[in-house]
Amino acid sequence: TIAVLKDEENKLLIERTNLEN
């Protein structure tokens, strides 16, 4: 579903942000 895709997308963004910090 769209909600699941958005959740996965958010996880990827959070992980990338954490790596940059």
N, C-alpha and C. Protein backbone atom coordinates (compact mmCIF):
# COMPACT_ATOMS: atom_id res chain seq x y z
N THR A 1 0.85 -1.22 0.00
CA THR A 1 0.00 0.00 0.00
C THR A 1 0.87 1.25 0.00
N ILE A 2 0.26 2.37 -0.27
CA ILE A 2 0.99 3.64 -0.30
C ILE A 2 1.58 3.95 1.08
N ALA A 3 0.81 3.65 2.11
CA ALA A 3 1.29 3.94 3.47
C ALA A 3 2.57 3.16 3.78
N VAL A 4 2.60 1.91 3.36
CA VAL A 4 3.80 1.09 3.60
C VAL A 4 4.99 1.65 2.83
N LEU A 5 4.78 2.03 1.59
CA LEU A 5 5.87 2.59 0.80
C LEU A 5 6.40 3.87 1.43
N LYS A 6 5.51 4.71 1.93
CA LYS A 6 5.94 5.95 2.57
C LYS A 6 6.73 5.64 3.84
N ASP A 7 6.31 4.63 4.58
CA ASP A 7 7.01 4.26 5.81
C ASP A 7 8.42 3.79 5.47
N GLU A 8 8.56 2.96 4.45
CA GLU A 8 9.88 2.49 4.03
C GLU A 8 10.74 3.67 3.56
N GLU A 9 10.14 4.58 2.84
CA GLU A 9 10.86 5.75 2.35
C GLU A 9 11.37 6.59 3.51
N ASN A 10 10.52 6.76 4.52
CA ASN A 10 10.92 7.53 5.70
C ASN A 10 12.07 6.86 6.43
N LYS A 11 12.02 5.53 6.53
CA LYS A 11 13.11 4.80 7.20
C LYS A 11 14.43 5.04 6.48
N LEU A 12 14.40 4.99 5.15
CA LEU A 12 15.62 5.21 4.38
C LEU A 12 16.15 6.63 4.60
N LEU A 13 15.26 7.60 4.60
CA LEU A 13 15.68 8.98 4.82
C LEU A 13 16.27 9.16 6.20
N ILE A 14 15.65 8.53 7.21
CA ILE A 14 16.16 8.63 8.59
C ILE A 14 17.54 7.99 8.70
N GLU A 15 17.69 6.82 8.09
CA GLU A 15 18.99 6.14 8.14
C GLU A 15 20.07 6.98 7.48
N ARG A 16 19.76 7.58 6.35
CA ARG A 16 20.73 8.41 5.63
C ARG A 16 21.10 9.63 6.46
N THR A 17 20.10 10.23 7.10
CA THR A 17 20.36 11.40 7.93
C THR A 17 21.25 11.03 9.11
N ASN A 18 20.98 9.88 9.71
CA ASN A 18 21.79 9.44 10.85
C ASN A 18 23.24 9.21 10.44
N LEU A 19 23.45 8.67 9.26
CA LEU A 19 24.81 8.42 8.79
C LEU A 19 25.56 9.74 8.56
N GLU A 20 24.86 10.74 8.10
CA GLU A 20 25.50 12.03 7.83
C GLU A 20 25.85 12.78 9.09
N ASN A 21 25.16 12.50 10.19
CA ASN A 21 25.43 13.22 11.44
C ASN A 21 26.56 12.57 12.23
